[in-house]
Amino acid sequence: MSKFLIAPAALMMALALAACGGDAPAGGGTTPPADTSTPATTPPPAEPAPATPSP
């Protein structure tokens, strides 16, 4: 009885693996490394707003 369940289960797993595999992107499937020659600069922090408005 279990032999009749193993074949459909294996087929379902193979189809699920093929469906989730997807296509490889053009260019070999690798992304070039990010350019780290210049460090990223962040703007200086803005002055915080006053806690209470002045009259």
Protein backbone atom coordinates (compact mmCIF):
# COMPACT_ATOMS: atom_id res chain seq x y z
CA MET A 1 0.00 0.00 0.00
CA SER A 2 2.77 2.46 0.90
CA LYS A 3 4.50 1.81 -2.45
CA PHE A 4 1.46 3.30 -4.17
CA LEU A 5 1.82 6.46 -2.12
CA ILE A 6 5.57 6.89 -2.56
CA ALA A 7 5.52 7.32 -6.36
CA PRO A 8 2.90 10.14 -6.44
CA ALA A 9 4.58 11.84 -3.49
CA ALA A 10 7.97 11.73 -5.23
CA LEU A 11 6.38 13.09 -8.42
CA MET A 12 4.75 15.94 -6.50
CA MET A 13 8.05 16.82 -4.82
CA ALA A 14 9.88 16.83 -8.16
CA LEU A 15 7.24 19.07 -9.74
CA ALA A 16 7.31 21.43 -6.76
CA LEU A 17 11.09 21.68 -6.99
CA ALA A 18 10.89 22.42 -10.69
CA ALA A 19 8.17 25.05 -10.15
CA CYS A 20 10.10 26.86 -7.41
CA GLY A 21 13.43 26.75 -9.24
CA GLY A 22 12.76 29.64 -11.59
CA ASP A 23 14.98 30.82 -14.42
CA ALA A 24 18.54 31.98 -13.99
CA PRO A 25 19.00 35.68 -14.85
CA ALA A 26 20.96 36.59 -17.97
CA GLY A 27 24.65 37.16 -17.36
CA GLY A 28 25.53 33.98 -15.55
CA GLY A 29 23.37 34.48 -12.48
CA THR A 30 25.93 36.48 -10.53
CA THR A 31 25.69 40.10 -9.55
CA PRO A 32 28.79 42.30 -9.72
CA PRO A 33 30.11 43.53 -6.38
CA ALA A 34 29.10 46.98 -5.26
CA ASP A 35 31.56 49.81 -5.87
CA THR A 36 33.15 50.49 -2.49
CA SER A 37 35.95 52.74 -3.68
CA THR A 38 34.24 55.88 -2.35
CA PRO A 39 32.66 55.78 1.10
CA ALA A 40 29.03 56.72 1.37
CA THR A 41 28.45 60.10 2.98
CA THR A 42 25.46 60.91 5.10
CA PRO A 43 24.14 64.43 5.58
CA PRO A 44 24.62 65.99 9.01
CA PRO A 45 21.65 65.55 11.35
CA ALA A 46 19.07 68.32 11.32
CA GLU A 47 18.56 70.41 14.42
CA PRO A 48 15.81 68.93 16.58
CA ALA A 49 12.58 70.88 16.88
CA PRO A 50 12.01 72.65 20.19
CA ALA A 51 9.98 70.64 22.69
CA THR A 52 7.60 73.55 23.38
CA PRO A 53 6.99 76.52 21.13
CA SER A 54 8.35 79.79 22.47
CA PRO A 55 5.73 82.56 23.03
